[in-house]
Amino acid sequence: MQYLWSFLIGGFICLIAQILIDKTMLTPARILTGYVVAGAVLSAVGIYKPIADFAGAGATVPLLGFGHSLILGVRDAVDSQGFAGIFTGGLRGTAGGIAAAIFFSLIASLIFRLRDK
């Protein structure tokens, strides 16, 4: 049952993004940035954690989950380091995802070559 809820919640998040792409003049970059900010805001006010706990990867893998991870990292760092945690916590909370994105981008750039159009 967990897989079904994860799929449905993740699919709904993607559905909203697709509707925004199709029906508005927003660029994909603005939608993606908006999703990260929305995840951070929803996490900061305490709404996103219950959704992430319920839906699992369906809520933590999309960009809303990245914003949520940023806020969780900042909260932990502020609790342990004080004010300096505001600046270091976001990177600490999302370091694994950032490192994976850089690594797999490097692998893709080595495998695929850019072609002139």
PDB file of N, CA and C in Angstrom:
ATOM      1  N   MET A   1       0.823  -1.194   0.000  1.00  0.00           N
ATOM      2  CA  MET A   1       0.000   0.000   0.000  1.00  0.00           C
ATOM      3  C   MET A   1       0.867   1.258   0.000  1.00  0.00           C
ATOM      4  N   GLN A   2       2.042   1.148   0.651  1.00  0.00           N
ATOM      5  CA  GLN A   2       2.952   2.298   0.692  1.00  0.00           C
ATOM      6  C   GLN A   2       3.392   2.698  -0.723  1.00  0.00           C
ATOM      7  N   TYR A   3       3.645   1.709  -1.578  1.00  0.00           N
ATOM      8  CA  TYR A   3       4.048   2.000  -2.950  1.00  0.00           C
ATOM      9  C   TYR A   3       2.951   2.747  -3.704  1.00  0.00           C
ATOM     10  N   LEU A   4       1.715   2.352  -3.487  1.00  0.00           N
ATOM     11  CA  LEU A   4       0.601   3.015  -4.165  1.00  0.00           C
ATOM     12  C   LEU A   4       0.498   4.471  -3.746  1.00  0.00           C
ATOM     13  N   TRP A   5       0.552   4.744  -2.444  1.00  0.00           N
ATOM     14  CA  TRP A   5       0.461   6.120  -1.966  1.00  0.00           C
ATOM     15  C   TRP A   5       1.653   6.941  -2.436  1.00  0.00           C
ATOM     16  N   SER A   6       2.822   6.349  -2.436  1.00  0.00           N
ATOM     17  CA  SER A   6       4.010   7.048  -2.914  1.00  0.00           C
ATOM     18  C   SER A   6       3.854   7.429  -4.386  1.00  0.00           C
ATOM     19  N   PHE A   7       3.368   6.486  -5.178  1.00  0.00           N
ATOM     20  CA  PHE A   7       3.154   6.736  -6.597  1.00  0.00           C
ATOM     21  C   PHE A   7       2.093   7.816  -6.816  1.00  0.00           C
ATOM     22  N   LEU A   8       0.993   7.753  -6.087  1.00  0.00           N
ATOM     23  CA  LEU A   8      -0.090   8.716  -6.273  1.00  0.00           C
ATOM     24  C   LEU A   8       0.312  10.129  -5.840  1.00  0.00           C
ATOM     25  N   ILE A   9       0.962  10.251  -4.701  1.00  0.00           N
ATOM     26  CA  ILE A   9       1.372  11.574  -4.227  1.00  0.00           C
ATOM     27  C   ILE A   9       2.444  12.153  -5.150  1.00  0.00           C
ATOM     28  N   GLY A  10       3.452  11.356  -5.503  1.00  0.00           N
ATOM     29  CA  GLY A  10       4.481  11.818  -6.428  1.00  0.00           C
ATOM     30  C   GLY A  10       3.915  12.172  -7.787  1.00  0.00           C
ATOM     31  N   GLY A  11       2.981  11.373  -8.262  1.00  0.00           N
ATOM     32  CA  GLY A  11       2.330  11.662  -9.542  1.00  0.00           C
ATOM     33  C   GLY A  11       1.517  12.933  -9.496  1.00  0.00           C
ATOM     34  N   PHE A  12       0.861  13.191  -8.368  1.00  0.00           N
ATOM     35  CA  PHE A  12       0.085  14.417  -8.222  1.00  0.00           C
ATOM     36  C   PHE A  12       0.996  15.648  -8.228  1.00  0.00           C
ATOM     37  N   ILE A  13       2.141  15.540  -7.565  1.00  0.00           N
ATOM     38  CA  ILE A  13       3.106  16.646  -7.564  1.00  0.00           C
ATOM     39  C   ILE A  13       3.575  16.923  -8.994  1.00  0.00           C
ATOM     40  N   CYS A  14       3.865  15.879  -9.744  1.00  0.00           N
ATOM     41  CA  CYS A  14       4.286  16.030 -11.138  1.00  0.00           C
ATOM     42  C   CYS A  14       3.151  16.545 -12.017  1.00  0.00           C
ATOM     43  N   LEU A  15       1.922  16.128 -11.722  1.00  0.00           N
ATOM     44  CA  LEU A  15       0.765  16.603 -12.479  1.00  0.00           C
ATOM     45  C   LEU A  15       0.606  18.109 -12.348  1.00  0.00           C
ATOM     46  N   ILE A  16       0.778  18.623 -11.141  1.00  0.00           N
ATOM     47  CA  ILE A  16       0.673  20.075 -10.933  1.00  0.00           C
ATOM     48  C   ILE A  16       1.747  20.799 -11.749  1.00  0.00           C
ATOM     49  N   ALA A  17       2.971  20.268 -11.740  1.00  0.00           N
ATOM     50  CA  ALA A  17       4.042  20.885 -12.522  1.00  0.00           C
ATOM     51  C   ALA A  17       3.726  20.846 -14.013  1.00  0.00           C
ATOM     52  N   GLN A  18       3.184  19.745 -14.506  1.00  0.00           N
ATOM     53  CA  GLN A  18       2.853  19.645 -15.923  1.00  0.00           C
ATOM     54  C   GLN A  18       1.750  20.620 -16.306  1.00  0.00           C
ATOM     55  N   ILE A  19       0.763  20.783 -15.444  1.00  0.00           N
ATOM     56  CA  ILE A  19      -0.298  21.757 -15.706  1.00  0.00           C
ATOM     57  C   ILE A  19       0.280  23.167 -15.749  1.00  0.00           C
ATOM     58  N   LEU A  20       1.195  23.476 -14.832  1.00  0.00           N
ATOM     59  CA  LEU A  20       1.831  24.796 -14.846  1.00  0.00           C
ATOM     60  C   LEU A  20       2.628  25.018 -16.128  1.00  0.00           C
ATOM     61  N   ILE A  21       3.303  23.990 -16.616  1.00  0.00           N
ATOM     62  CA  ILE A  21       4.059  24.112 -17.862  1.00  0.00           C
ATOM     63  C   ILE A  21       3.117  24.334 -19.043  1.00  0.00           C
ATOM     64  N   ASP A  22       2.015  23.578 -19.093  1.00  0.00           N
ATOM     65  CA  ASP A  22       1.107  23.641 -20.239  1.00  0.00           C
ATOM     66  C   ASP A  22       0.208  24.868 -20.252  1.00  0.00           C
ATOM     67  N   LYS A  23      -0.229  25.320 -19.083  1.00  0.00           N
ATOM     68  CA  LYS A  23      -1.271  26.347 -19.023  1.00  0.00           C
ATOM     69  C   LYS A  23      -0.780  27.738 -18.648  1.00  0.00           C
ATOM     70  N   THR A  24       0.478  27.877 -18.271  1.00  0.00           N
ATOM     71  CA  THR A  24       0.993  29.193 -17.903  1.00  0.00           C
ATOM     72  C   THR A  24       2.184  29.537 -18.777  1.00  0.00           C
ATOM     73  N   MET A  25       2.627  30.753 -18.651  1.00  0.00           N
ATOM     74  CA  MET A  25       3.804  31.204 -19.396  1.00  0.00           C
ATOM     75  C   MET A  25       5.080  31.041 -18.566  1.00  0.00           C
ATOM     76  N   LEU A  26       4.991  30.338 -17.444  1.00  0.00           N
ATOM     77  CA  LEU A  26       6.161  30.130 -16.598  1.00  0.00           C
ATOM     78  C   LEU A  26       7.155  29.206 -17.291  1.00  0.00           C
ATOM     79  N   THR A  27       8.425  29.537 -17.164  1.00  0.00           N
ATOM     80  CA  THR A  27       9.461  28.665 -17.721  1.00  0.00           C
ATOM     81  C   THR A  27       9.668  27.480 -16.779  1.00  0.00           C
ATOM     82  N   PRO A  28      10.175  26.370 -17.295  1.00  0.00           N
ATOM     83  CA  PRO A  28      10.457  25.235 -16.413  1.00  0.00           C
ATOM     84  C   PRO A  28      11.392  25.592 -15.255  1.00  0.00           C
ATOM     85  N   ALA A  29      12.355  26.473 -15.507  1.00  0.00           N
ATOM     86  CA  ALA A  29      13.274  26.874 -14.434  1.00  0.00           C
ATOM     87  C   ALA A  29      12.525  27.578 -13.304  1.00  0.00           C
ATOM     88  N   ARG A  30      11.568  28.411 -13.635  1.00  0.00           N
ATOM     89  CA  ARG A  30      10.792  29.104 -12.594  1.00  0.00           C
ATOM     90  C   ARG A  30       9.889  28.131 -11.838  1.00  0.00           C
ATOM     91  N   ILE A  31       9.355  27.169 -12.542  1.00  0.00           N
ATOM     92  CA  ILE A  31       8.509  26.176 -11.874  1.00  0.00           C
ATOM     93  C   ILE A  31       9.351  25.328 -10.920  1.00  0.00           C
ATOM     94  N   LEU A  32      10.521  24.901 -11.371  1.00  0.00           N
ATOM     95  CA  LEU A  32      11.396  24.099 -10.520  1.00  0.00           C
ATOM     96  C   LEU A  32      11.837  24.890  -9.291  1.00  0.00           C
ATOM     97  N   THR A  33      12.207  26.140  -9.491  1.00  0.00           N
ATOM     98  CA  THR A  33      12.591  26.988  -8.364  1.00  0.00           C
ATOM     99  C   THR A  33      11.415  27.197  -7.425  1.00  0.00           C
ATOM    100  N   GLY A  34      10.240  27.401  -7.995  1.00  0.00           N
ATOM    101  CA  GLY A  34       9.040  27.553  -7.173  1.00  0.00           C
ATOM    102  C   GLY A  34       8.746  26.313  -6.351  1.00  0.00           C
ATOM    103  N   TYR A  35       9.009  25.156  -6.908  1.00  0.00           N
ATOM    104  CA  TYR A  35       8.799  23.915  -6.170  1.00  0.00           C
ATOM    105  C   TYR A  35       9.758  23.801  -4.982  1.00  0.00           C
ATOM    106  N   VAL A  36      11.010  24.179  -5.185  1.00  0.00           N
ATOM    107  CA  VAL A  36      11.968  24.124  -4.076  1.00  0.00           C
ATOM    108  C   VAL A  36      11.540  25.092  -2.975  1.00  0.00           C
ATOM    109  N   VAL A  37      11.172  26.306  -3.362  1.00  0.00           N
ATOM    110  CA  VAL A  37      10.731  27.303  -2.380  1.00  0.00           C
ATOM    111  C   VAL A  37       9.449  26.845  -1.694  1.00  0.00           C
ATOM    112  N   ALA A  38       8.513  26.286  -2.445  1.00  0.00           N
ATOM    113  CA  ALA A  38       7.266  25.799  -1.843  1.00  0.00           C
ATOM    114  C   ALA A  38       7.547  24.679  -0.848  1.00  0.00           C
ATOM    115  N   GLY A  39       8.464  23.776  -1.173  1.00  0.00           N
ATOM    116  CA  GLY A  39       8.822  22.711  -0.243  1.00  0.00           C
ATOM    117  C   GLY A  39       9.440  23.259   1.030  1.00  0.00           C
ATOM    118  N   ALA A  40      10.270  24.293   0.881  1.00  0.00           N
ATOM    119  CA  ALA A  40      10.893  24.906   2.059  1.00  0.00           C
ATOM    120  C   ALA A  40       9.848  25.608   2.916  1.00  0.00           C
ATOM    121  N   VAL A  41       8.943  26.334   2.292  1.00  0.00           N
ATOM    122  CA  VAL A  41       7.905  27.056   3.048  1.00  0.00           C
ATOM    123  C   VAL A  41       6.956  26.071   3.729  1.00  0.00           C
ATOM    124  N   LEU A  42       6.503  25.060   2.992  1.00  0.00           N
ATOM    125  CA  LEU A  42       5.607  24.067   3.589  1.00  0.00           C
ATOM    126  C   LEU A  42       6.282  23.322   4.738  1.00  0.00           C
ATOM    127  N   SER A  43       7.574  23.078   4.611  1.00  0.00           N
ATOM    128  CA  SER A  43       8.306  22.427   5.692  1.00  0.00           C
ATOM    129  C   SER A  43       8.467  23.353   6.889  1.00  0.00           C
ATOM    130  N   ALA A  44       8.738  24.625   6.624  1.00  0.00           N
ATOM    131  CA  ALA A  44       8.941  25.588   7.712  1.00  0.00           C
ATOM    132  C   ALA A  44       7.683  25.774   8.547  1.00  0.00           C
ATOM    133  N   VAL A  45       6.520  25.693   7.924  1.00  0.00           N
ATOM    134  CA  VAL A  45       5.274  25.862   8.684  1.00  0.00           C
ATOM    135  C   VAL A  45       4.732  24.537   9.209  1.00  0.00           C
ATOM    136  N   GLY A  46       5.440  23.440   8.929  1.00  0.00           N
ATOM    137  CA  GLY A  46       5.077  22.150   9.504  1.00  0.00           C
ATOM    138  C   GLY A  46       4.079  21.324   8.715  1.00  0.00           C
ATOM    139  N   ILE A  47       3.804  21.706   7.484  1.00  0.00           N
ATOM    140  CA  ILE A  47       2.827  20.977   6.671  1.00  0.00           C
ATOM    141  C   ILE A  47       3.469  19.824   5.909  1.00  0.00           C
ATOM    142  N   TYR A  48       4.713  19.994   5.456  1.00  0.00           N
ATOM    143  CA  TYR A  48       5.294  19.013   4.543  1.00  0.00           C
ATOM    144  C   TYR A  48       5.779  17.743   5.225  1.00  0.00           C
ATOM    145  N   LYS A  49       6.205  17.820   6.469  1.00  0.00           N
ATOM    146  CA  LYS A  49       6.714  16.625   7.158  1.00  0.00           C
ATOM    147  C   LYS A  49       5.672  15.515   7.243  1.00  0.00           C
ATOM    148  N   PRO A  50       4.408  15.800   7.626  1.00  0.00           N
ATOM    149  CA  PRO A  50       3.422  14.713   7.633  1.00  0.00           C
ATOM    150  C   PRO A  50       3.178  14.124   6.237  1.00  0.00           C
ATOM    151  N   ILE A  51       3.241  14.965   5.219  1.00  0.00           N
ATOM    152  CA  ILE A  51       3.064  14.464   3.846  1.00  0.00           C
ATOM    153  C   ILE A  51       4.233  13.557   3.480  1.00  0.00           C
ATOM    154  N   ALA A  52       5.456  13.987   3.808  1.00  0.00           N
ATOM    155  CA  ALA A  52       6.643  13.188   3.494  1.00  0.00           C
ATOM    156  C   ALA A  52       6.647  11.881   4.281  1.00  0.00           C
ATOM    157  N   ASP A  53       6.198  11.919   5.527  1.00  0.00           N
ATOM    158  CA  ASP A  53       6.129  10.688   6.321  1.00  0.00           C
ATOM    159  C   ASP A  53       5.102   9.713   5.750  1.00  0.00           C
ATOM    160  N   PHE A  54       4.000  10.243   5.243  1.00  0.00           N
ATOM    161  CA  PHE A  54       2.936   9.400   4.700  1.00  0.00           C
ATOM    162  C   PHE A  54       3.302   8.844   3.327  1.00  0.00           C
ATOM    163  N   ALA A  55       3.819   9.706   2.442  1.00  0.00           N
ATOM    164  CA  ALA A  55       4.042   9.307   1.054  1.00  0.00           C
ATOM    165  C   ALA A  55       5.434   8.757   0.795  1.00  0.00           C
ATOM    166  N   GLY A  56       6.357   8.911   1.708  1.00  0.00           N
ATOM    167  CA  GLY A  56       7.707   8.390   1.507  1.00  0.00           C
ATOM    168  C   GLY A  56       8.397   9.041   0.326  1.00  0.00           C
ATOM    169  N   ALA A  57       8.970   8.219  -0.549  1.00  0.00           N
ATOM    170  CA  ALA A  57       9.735   8.726  -1.684  1.00  0.00           C
ATOM    171  C   ALA A  57       8.875   9.520  -2.663  1.00  0.00           C
ATOM    172  N   GLY A  58       7.580   9.299  -2.664  1.00  0.00           N
ATOM    173  CA  GLY A  58       6.703  10.072  -3.538  1.00  0.00           C
ATOM    174  C   GLY A  58       6.691  11.546  -3.197  1.00  0.00           C
ATOM    175  N   ALA A  59       7.040  11.876  -1.967  1.00  0.00           N
ATOM    176  CA  ALA A  59       7.081  13.272  -1.547  1.00  0.00           C
ATOM    177  C   ALA A  59       8.501  13.779  -1.312  1.00  0.00           C
ATOM    178  N   THR A  60       9.449  12.895  -1.073  1.00  0.00           N
ATOM    179  CA  THR A  60      10.804  13.359  -0.781  1.00  0.00           C
ATOM    180  C   THR A  60      11.703  13.414  -2.005  1.00  0.00           C
ATOM    181  N   VAL A  61      11.388  12.687  -3.062  1.00  0.00           N
ATOM    182  CA  VAL A  61      12.230  12.696  -4.254  1.00  0.00           C
ATOM    183  C   VAL A  61      11.988  13.918  -5.139  1.00  0.00           C
ATOM    184  N   PRO A  62      10.747  14.379  -5.360  1.00  0.00           N
ATOM    185  CA  PRO A  62      10.567  15.581  -6.186  1.00  0.00           C
ATOM    186  C   PRO A  62      11.210  16.813  -5.548  1.00  0.00           C
ATOM    187  N   LEU A  63      11.220  17.902  -6.280  1.00  0.00           N
ATOM    188  CA  LEU A  63      11.886  19.111  -5.808  1.00  0.00           C
ATOM    189  C   LEU A  63      11.267  19.697  -4.547  1.00  0.00           C
ATOM    190  N   LEU A  64      10.027  19.409  -4.281  1.00  0.00           N
ATOM    191  CA  LEU A  64       9.458  19.822  -3.002  1.00  0.00           C
ATOM    192  C   LEU A  64      10.253  19.183  -1.859  1.00  0.00           C
ATOM    193  N   GLY A  65      10.662  17.953  -2.041  1.00  0.00           N
ATOM    194  CA  GLY A  65      11.454  17.251  -1.042  1.00  0.00           C
ATOM    195  C   GLY A  65      12.837  17.862  -0.868  1.00  0.00           C
ATOM    196  N   PHE A  66      13.403  18.443  -1.929  1.00  0.00           N
ATOM    197  CA  PHE A  66      14.697  19.111  -1.808  1.00  0.00           C
ATOM    198  C   PHE A  66      14.571  20.349  -0.922  1.00  0.00           C
ATOM    199  N   GLY A  67      13.515  21.121  -1.112  1.00  0.00           N
ATOM    200  CA  GLY A  67      13.271  22.265  -0.240  1.00  0.00           C
ATOM    201  C   GLY A  67      13.056  21.838   1.200  1.00  0.00           C
ATOM    202  N   HIS A  68      12.343  20.745   1.377  1.00  0.00           N
ATOM    203  CA  HIS A  68      12.111  20.179   2.711  1.00  0.00           C
ATOM    204  C   HIS A  68      13.439  19.767   3.356  1.00  0.00           C
ATOM    205  N   SER A  69      14.319  19.140   2.598  1.00  0.00           N
ATOM    206  CA  SER A  69      15.630  18.731   3.110  1.00  0.00           C
ATOM    207  C   SER A  69      16.487  19.935   3.485  1.00  0.00           C
ATOM    208  N   LEU A  70      16.384  21.009   2.706  1.00  0.00           N
ATOM    209  CA  LEU A  70      17.118  22.227   3.044  1.00  0.00           C
ATOM    210  C   LEU A  70      16.700  22.747   4.414  1.00  0.00           C
ATOM    211  N   ILE A  71      15.408  22.805   4.644  1.00  0.00           N
ATOM    212  CA  ILE A  71      14.904  23.325   5.922  1.00  0.00           C
ATOM    213  C   ILE A  71      15.291  22.400   7.070  1.00  0.00           C
ATOM    214  N   LEU A  72      15.197  21.092   6.873  1.00  0.00           N
ATOM    215  CA  LEU A  72      15.591  20.165   7.936  1.00  0.00           C
ATOM    216  C   LEU A  72      17.067  20.327   8.289  1.00  0.00           C
ATOM    217  N   GLY A  73      17.908  20.505   7.278  1.00  0.00           N
ATOM    218  CA  GLY A  73      19.334  20.712   7.526  1.00  0.00           C
ATOM    219  C   GLY A  73      19.601  22.005   8.276  1.00  0.00           C
ATOM    220  N   VAL A  74      18.893  23.057   7.900  1.00  0.00           N
ATOM    221  CA  VAL A  74      19.064  24.343   8.580  1.00  0.00           C
ATOM    222  C   VAL A  74      18.593  24.246  10.020  1.00  0.00           C
ATOM    223  N   ARG A  75      17.461  23.608  10.265  1.00  0.00           N
ATOM    224  CA  ARG A  75      16.966  23.459  11.642  1.00  0.00           C
ATOM    225  C   ARG A  75      17.957  22.716  12.525  1.00  0.00           C
ATOM    226  N   ASP A  76      18.490  21.610  12.017  1.00  0.00           N
ATOM    227  CA  ASP A  76      19.458  20.833  12.793  1.00  0.00           C
ATOM    228  C   ASP A  76      20.722  21.645  13.066  1.00  0.00           C
ATOM    229  N   ALA A  77      21.210  22.357  12.049  1.00  0.00           N
ATOM    230  CA  ALA A  77      22.441  23.131  12.211  1.00  0.00           C
ATOM    231  C   ALA A  77      22.244  24.316  13.161  1.00  0.00           C
ATOM    232  N   VAL A  78      21.093  24.953  13.104  1.00  0.00           N
ATOM    233  CA  VAL A  78      20.823  26.066  14.017  1.00  0.00           C
ATOM    234  C   VAL A  78      20.749  25.562  15.453  1.00  0.00           C
ATOM    235  N   ASP A  79      20.157  24.387  15.647  1.00  0.00           N
ATOM    236  CA  ASP A  79      20.094  23.814  16.991  1.00  0.00           C
ATOM    237  C   ASP A  79      21.481  23.507  17.550  1.00  0.00           C
ATOM    238  N   SER A  80      22.400  23.063  16.688  1.00  0.00           N
ATOM    239  CA  SER A  80      23.720  22.670  17.176  1.00  0.00           C
ATOM    240  C   SER A  80      24.765  23.787  17.100  1.00  0.00           C
ATOM    241  N   GLN A  81      24.656  24.687  16.110  1.00  0.00           N
ATOM    242  CA  GLN A  81      25.690  25.699  15.904  1.00  0.00           C
ATOM    243  C   GLN A  81      25.222  27.124  16.161  1.00  0.00           C
ATOM    244  N   GLY A  82      23.948  27.319  16.305  1.00  0.00           N
ATOM    245  CA  GLY A  82      23.438  28.672  16.482  1.00  0.00           C
ATOM    246  C   GLY A  82      23.260  29.373  15.145  1.00  0.00           C
ATOM    247  N   PHE A  83      23.514  30.678  15.136  1.00  0.00           N
ATOM    248  CA  PHE A  83      23.266  31.508  13.959  1.00  0.00           C
ATOM    249  C   PHE A  83      24.026  31.040  12.725  1.00  0.00           C
ATOM    250  N   ALA A  84      25.245  30.550  12.899  1.00  0.00           N
ATOM    251  CA  ALA A  84      26.045  30.089  11.757  1.00  0.00           C
ATOM    252  C   ALA A  84      25.380  28.923  11.032  1.00  0.00           C
ATOM    253  N   GLY A  85      24.527  28.181  11.720  1.00  0.00           N
ATOM    254  CA  GLY A  85      23.832  27.062  11.105  1.00  0.00           C
ATOM    255  C   GLY A  85      22.894  27.462   9.984  1.00  0.00           C
ATOM    256  N   ILE A  86      22.476  28.728   9.981  1.00  0.00           N
ATOM    257  CA  ILE A  86      21.614  29.217   8.895  1.00  0.00           C
ATOM    258  C   ILE A  86      22.340  29.099   7.562  1.00  0.00           C
ATOM    259  N   PHE A  87      23.633  29.347   7.581  1.00  0.00           N
ATOM    260  CA  PHE A  87      24.414  29.360   6.342  1.00  0.00           C
ATOM    261  C   PHE A  87      24.977  27.993   5.969  1.00  0.00           C
ATOM    262  N   THR A  88      25.190  27.137   6.947  1.00  0.00           N
ATOM    263  CA  THR A  88      25.817  25.846   6.659  1.00  0.00           C
ATOM    264  C   THR A  88      24.839  24.680   6.625  1.00  0.00           C
ATOM    265  N   GLY A  89      23.702  24.820   7.270  1.00  0.00           N
ATOM    266  CA  GLY A  89      22.776  23.701   7.415  1.00  0.00           C
ATOM    267  C   GLY A  89      22.154  23.214   6.125  1.00  0.00           C
ATOM    268  N   GLY A  90      21.835  24.127   5.224  1.00  0.00           N
ATOM    269  CA  GLY A  90      21.214  23.728   3.965  1.00  0.00           C
ATOM    270  C   GLY A  90      22.117  22.831   3.140  1.00  0.00           C
ATOM    271  N   LEU A  91      23.387  23.192   3.078  1.00  0.00           N
ATOM    272  CA  LEU A  91      24.333  22.364   2.330  1.00  0.00           C
ATOM    273  C   LEU A  91      24.581  21.032   3.025  1.00  0.00           C
ATOM    274  N   ARG A  92      24.637  21.076   4.329  1.00  0.00           N
ATOM    275  CA  ARG A  92      24.869  19.839   5.069  1.00  0.00           C
ATOM    276  C   ARG A  92      23.681  18.882   4.891  1.00  0.00           C
ATOM    277  N   GLY A  93      22.464  19.424   4.872  1.00  0.00           N
ATOM    278  CA  GLY A  93      21.277  18.589   4.751  1.00  0.00           C
ATOM    279  C   GLY A  93      21.068  18.006   3.369  1.00  0.00           C
ATOM    280  N   THR A  94      21.636  18.654   2.352  1.00  0.00           N
ATOM    281  CA  THR A  94      21.402  18.206   0.977  1.00  0.00           C
ATOM    282  C   THR A  94      22.688  17.784   0.270  1.00  0.00           C
ATOM    283  N   ALA A  95      23.767  17.623   1.009  1.00  0.00           N
ATOM    284  CA  ALA A  95      25.065  17.315   0.400  1.00  0.00           C
ATOM    285  C   ALA A  95      25.038  16.034  -0.421  1.00  0.00           C
ATOM    286  N   GLY A  96      24.344  15.017   0.053  1.00  0.00           N
ATOM    287  CA  GLY A  96      24.285  13.760  -0.696  1.00  0.00           C
ATOM    288  C   GLY A  96      23.627  13.936  -2.048  1.00  0.00           C
ATOM    289  N   GLY A  97      22.526  14.654  -2.094  1.00  0.00           N
ATOM    290  CA  GLY A  97      21.831  14.894  -3.360  1.00  0.00           C
ATOM    291  C   GLY A  97      22.635  15.757  -4.312  1.00  0.00           C
ATOM    292  N   ILE A  98      23.285  16.777  -3.778  1.00  0.00           N
ATOM    293  CA  ILE A  98      24.108  17.650  -4.612  1.00  0.00           C
ATOM    294  C   ILE A  98      25.299  16.882  -5.170  1.00  0.00           C
ATOM    295  N   ALA A  99      25.959  16.096  -4.326  1.00  0.00           N
ATOM    296  CA  ALA A  99      27.110  15.306  -4.783  1.00  0.00           C
ATOM    297  C   ALA A  99      26.685  14.289  -5.839  1.00  0.00           C
ATOM    298  N   ALA A 100      25.537  13.650  -5.655  1.00  0.00           N
ATOM    299  CA  ALA A 100      25.056  12.681  -6.644  1.00  0.00           C
ATOM    300  C   ALA A 100      24.751  13.368  -7.972  1.00  0.00           C
ATOM    301  N   ALA A 101      24.140  14.558  -7.923  1.00  0.00           N
ATOM    302  CA  ALA A 101      23.829  15.291  -9.155  1.00  0.00           C
ATOM    303  C   ALA A 101      25.107  15.656  -9.906  1.00  0.00           C
ATOM    304  N   ILE A 102      26.117  16.108  -9.198  1.00  0.00           N
ATOM    305  CA  ILE A 102      27.390  16.452  -9.839  1.00  0.00           C
ATOM    306  C   ILE A 102      28.055  15.208 -10.419  1.00  0.00           C
ATOM    307  N   PHE A 103      28.078  14.134  -9.650  1.00  0.00           N
ATOM    308  CA  PHE A 103      28.724  12.903 -10.108  1.00  0.00           C
ATOM    309  C   PHE A 103      28.044  12.350 -11.357  1.00  0.00           C
ATOM    310  N   PHE A 104      26.726  12.222 -11.336  1.00  0.00           N
ATOM    311  CA  PHE A 104      26.037  11.648 -12.485  1.00  0.00           C
ATOM    312  C   PHE A 104      26.049  12.587 -13.689  1.00  0.00           C
ATOM    313  N   SER A 105      26.130  13.891 -13.455  1.00  0.00           N
ATOM    314  CA  SER A 105      26.294  14.831 -14.569  1.00  0.00           C
ATOM    315  C   SER A 105      27.654  14.632 -15.229  1.00  0.00           C
ATOM    316  N   LEU A 106      28.672  14.410 -14.418  1.00  0.00           N
ATOM    317  CA  LEU A 106      30.000  14.145 -14.964  1.00  0.00           C
ATOM    318  C   LEU A 106      29.997  12.860 -15.788  1.00  0.00           C
ATOM    319  N   ILE A 107      29.390  11.810 -15.264  1.00  0.00           N
ATOM    320  CA  ILE A 107      29.323  10.539 -15.997  1.00  0.00           C
ATOM    321  C   ILE A 107      28.573  10.724 -17.318  1.00  0.00           C
ATOM    322  N   ALA A 108      27.463  11.444 -17.283  1.00  0.00           N
ATOM    323  CA  ALA A 108      26.701  11.669 -18.515  1.00  0.00           C
ATOM    324  C   ALA A 108      27.507  12.479 -19.521  1.00  0.00           C
ATOM    325  N   SER A 109      28.286  13.453 -19.040  1.00  0.00           N
ATOM    326  CA  SER A 109      29.091  14.257 -19.966  1.00  0.00           C
ATOM    327  C   SER A 109      30.222  13.441 -20.580  1.00  0.00           C
ATOM    328  N   LEU A 110      30.686  12.428 -19.887  1.00  0.00           N
ATOM    329  CA  LEU A 110      31.734  11.576 -20.445  1.00  0.00           C
ATOM    330  C   LEU A 110      31.184  10.565 -21.441  1.00  0.00           C
ATOM    331  N   ILE A 111      29.959  10.139 -21.244  1.00  0.00           N
ATOM    332  CA  ILE A 111      29.356   9.138 -22.121  1.00  0.00           C
ATOM    333  C   ILE A 111      28.801   9.765 -23.397  1.00  0.00           C
ATOM    334  N   PHE A 112      28.120  10.896 -23.256  1.00  0.00           N
ATOM    335  CA  PHE A 112      27.433  11.529 -24.387  1.00  0.00           C
ATOM    336  C   PHE A 112      28.224  12.736 -24.876  1.00  0.00           C
ATOM    337  N   ARG A 113      28.175  12.958 -26.165  1.00  0.00           N
ATOM    338  CA  ARG A 113      28.860  14.085 -26.763  1.00  0.00           C
ATOM    339  C   ARG A 113      27.846  15.086 -27.306  1.00  0.00           C
ATOM    340  N   LEU A 114      28.196  16.363 -27.220  1.00  0.00           N
ATOM    341  CA  LEU A 114      27.342  17.425 -27.722  1.00  0.00           C
ATOM    342  C   LEU A 114      27.449  17.457 -29.246  1.00  0.00           C
ATOM    343  N   ARG A 115      26.289  17.538 -29.907  1.00  0.00           N
ATOM    344  CA  ARG A 115      26.278  17.611 -31.364  1.00  0.00           C
ATOM    345  C   ARG A 115      25.825  18.994 -31.793  1.00  0.00           C
ATOM    346  N   ASP A 116      26.378  19.474 -32.897  1.00  0.00           N
ATOM    347  CA  ASP A 116      25.923  20.736 -33.477  1.00  0.00           C
ATOM    348  C   ASP A 116      24.605  20.483 -34.183  1.00  0.00           C
ATOM    349  N   LYS A 117      23.732  21.456 -34.137  1.00  0.00           N
ATOM    350  CA  LYS A 117      22.421  21.299 -34.793  1.00  0.00           C
ATOM    351  C   LYS A 117      22.461  21.783 -36.207  1.00  0.00           C
TER     352      LYS A 117
END
